[in-house]
C-alpha atoms as a PDB file:
ATOM      1  CA  MET A   1     -23.158  -1.177  17.268  1.00  0.00           C
ATOM      2  CA  ALA A   2     -19.514  -1.185  17.582  1.00  0.00           C
ATOM      3  CA  LYS A   3     -19.164  -3.842  14.870  1.00  0.00           C
ATOM      4  CA  THR A   4     -21.059  -1.460  12.413  1.00  0.00           C
ATOM      5  CA  ALA A   5     -18.901   1.470  13.345  1.00  0.00           C
ATOM      6  CA  SER A   6     -15.789  -0.265  12.947  1.00  0.00           C
ATOM      7  CA  ALA A   7     -16.956  -1.621   9.469  1.00  0.00           C
ATOM      8  CA  SER A   8     -18.068   1.727   8.220  1.00  0.00           C
ATOM      9  CA  SER A   9     -14.820   3.315   9.212  1.00  0.00           C
ATOM     10  CA  LYS A  10     -12.685   0.975   7.280  1.00  0.00           C
ATOM     11  CA  LYS A  11     -11.367   2.398   4.284  1.00  0.00           C
ATOM     12  CA  PRO A  12     -11.658   0.604   0.863  1.00  0.00           C
ATOM     13  CA  PRO A  13      -8.294  -0.949  -0.232  1.00  0.00           C
ATOM     14  CA  VAL A  14      -7.633   1.570  -2.981  1.00  0.00           C
ATOM     15  CA  VAL A  15      -8.311   4.550  -0.629  1.00  0.00           C
ATOM     16  CA  ASP A  16      -6.074   2.884   1.995  1.00  0.00           C
ATOM     17  CA  PHE A  17      -3.424   2.307  -0.526  1.00  0.00           C
ATOM     18  CA  GLU A  18      -3.327   5.925  -1.937  1.00  0.00           C
ATOM     19  CA  HIS A  19      -3.371   7.251   1.759  1.00  0.00           C
ATOM     20  CA  SER A  20      -0.398   5.034   2.782  1.00  0.00           C
ATOM     21  CA  LEU A  21       1.542   5.993  -0.463  1.00  0.00           C
ATOM     22  CA  ASP A  22       0.966   9.602   0.217  1.00  0.00           C
ATOM     23  CA  GLU A  23       2.065   9.392   3.921  1.00  0.00           C
ATOM     24  CA  LEU A  24       5.186   7.346   2.666  1.00  0.00           C
ATOM     25  CA  GLU A  25       5.964  10.191   0.269  1.00  0.00           C
ATOM     26  CA  GLN A  26       5.661  12.873   2.913  1.00  0.00           C
ATOM     27  CA  LEU A  27       7.898  10.787   5.213  1.00  0.00           C
ATOM     28  CA  VAL A  28      10.583  10.579   2.619  1.00  0.00           C
ATOM     29  CA  ALA A  29      10.421  14.369   1.929  1.00  0.00           C
ATOM     30  CA  ARG A  30      10.655  15.224   5.587  1.00  0.00           C
ATOM     31  CA  MET A  31      13.775  12.685   5.906  1.00  0.00           C
ATOM     32  CA  GLU A  32      15.572  14.035   2.830  1.00  0.00           C
ATOM     33  CA  GLY A  33      15.060  17.600   4.086  1.00  0.00           C
ATOM     34  CA  GLY A  34      17.653  16.573   6.785  1.00  0.00           C
ATOM     35  CA  GLU A  35      15.929  18.529   9.669  1.00  0.00           C
ATOM     36  CA  LEU A  36      14.887  15.637  11.702  1.00  0.00           C
ATOM     37  CA  SER A  37      16.656  14.546  14.918  1.00  0.00           C
ATOM     38  CA  LEU A  38      18.187  11.037  14.957  1.00  0.00           C
ATOM     39  CA  ASP A  39      15.249   9.941  17.127  1.00  0.00           C
ATOM     40  CA  GLU A  40      12.691  11.419  14.710  1.00  0.00           C
ATOM     41  CA  SER A  41      14.764  10.073  11.656  1.00  0.00           C
ATOM     42  CA  LEU A  42      14.507   6.383  13.209  1.00  0.00           C
ATOM     43  CA  THR A  43      10.680   6.737  14.159  1.00  0.00           C
ATOM     44  CA  SER A  44      10.086   7.947  10.644  1.00  0.00           C
ATOM     45  CA  PHE A  45      12.136   5.170   9.107  1.00  0.00           C
ATOM     46  CA  GLU A  46      10.235   2.574  11.045  1.00  0.00           C
ATOM     47  CA  ARG A  47       6.870   4.105   9.984  1.00  0.00           C
ATOM     48  CA  GLY A  48       8.229   4.281   6.480  1.00  0.00           C
ATOM     49  CA  ILE A  49       8.976   0.711   6.453  1.00  0.00           C
ATOM     50  CA  GLY A  50       5.756  -0.467   7.543  1.00  0.00           C
ATOM     51  CA  LEU A  51       3.951   1.764   4.964  1.00  0.00           C
ATOM     52  CA  TYR A  52       6.119   0.512   2.277  1.00  0.00           C
ATOM     53  CA  ARG A  53       5.285  -3.203   3.399  1.00  0.00           C
ATOM     54  CA  HIS A  54       1.577  -2.364   3.424  1.00  0.00           C
ATOM     55  CA  CYS A  55       1.742  -0.805  -0.176  1.00  0.00           C
ATOM     56  CA  GLN A  56       3.440  -3.823  -1.481  1.00  0.00           C
ATOM     57  CA  GLN A  57       0.928  -6.391   0.117  1.00  0.00           C
ATOM     58  CA  SER A  58      -1.653  -4.179  -1.332  1.00  0.00           C
ATOM     59  CA  LEU A  59      -0.092  -4.305  -4.856  1.00  0.00           C
ATOM     60  CA  GLN A  60       0.308  -8.063  -4.425  1.00  0.00           C
ATOM     61  CA  GLN A  61      -3.240  -8.547  -3.735  1.00  0.00           C
ATOM     62  CA  ALA A  62      -4.285  -6.326  -6.711  1.00  0.00           C
ATOM     63  CA  GLU A  63      -2.090  -8.411  -8.881  1.00  0.00           C
ATOM     64  CA  LEU A  64      -3.827 -11.539  -7.571  1.00  0.00           C
ATOM     65  CA  ARG A  65      -7.091 -10.163  -8.308  1.00  0.00           C
ATOM     66  CA  VAL A  66      -6.059  -9.245 -11.917  1.00  0.00           C
ATOM     67  CA  ARG A  67      -4.606 -12.747 -12.453  1.00  0.00           C
ATOM     68  CA  LEU A  68      -8.025 -14.224 -11.029  1.00  0.00           C
ATOM     69  CA  LEU A  69     -10.015 -12.018 -13.535  1.00  0.00           C
ATOM     70  CA  LEU A  70      -7.599 -12.893 -16.403  1.00  0.00           C
ATOM     71  CA  ASP A  71      -8.019 -16.690 -15.893  1.00  0.00           C
ATOM     72  CA  PRO A  72     -10.148 -17.666 -12.861  1.00  0.00           C
ATOM     73  CA  ASP A  73      -9.411 -21.497 -13.290  1.00  0.00           C
ATOM     74  CA  ALA A  74      -5.610 -21.154 -13.514  1.00  0.00           C
ATOM     75  CA  PRO A  75      -4.578 -17.913 -11.839  1.00  0.00           C
ATOM     76  CA  ASP A  76      -0.785 -19.158 -11.643  1.00  0.00           C
ATOM     77  CA  HIS A  77      -0.900 -19.670 -15.431  1.00  0.00           C
ATOM     78  CA  ALA A  78      -2.628 -16.366 -16.347  1.00  0.00           C
ATOM     79  CA  GLU A  79      -0.393 -14.458 -18.765  1.00  0.00           C
ATOM     80  CA  PRO A  80       0.484 -10.775 -17.610  1.00  0.00           C
ATOM     81  CA  PHE A  81      -1.158  -8.175 -19.703  1.00  0.00           C
ATOM     82  CA  GLU A  82       1.213  -5.584 -21.536  1.00  0.00           C
ATOM     83  CA  PRO A  83       0.497  -2.026 -20.713  1.00  0.00           C
ATOM     84  CA  GLU A  84      -0.420   0.161 -23.395  1.00  0.00           C
ATOM     85  CA  LEU A  85       2.221   2.562 -24.653  1.00  0.00           C
END
């Protein structure tokens, strides 16, 4: 039963990314406010670095998925798409 509960409580990657990004933005706002103690600032900075790394990893995984969709036989040679302006 614990296996099912942990699987159902796991957030989808997009939701997890959005949550991490939102938390990171809130941490930055609190730190920029200048009202945190040194210890709170260091703890927030450490958490922020972890969130940043998590977001970067999520973005890299998303890029790989896009590359695989564009050219599943040669993802390393897939041409990046240009965003519409």
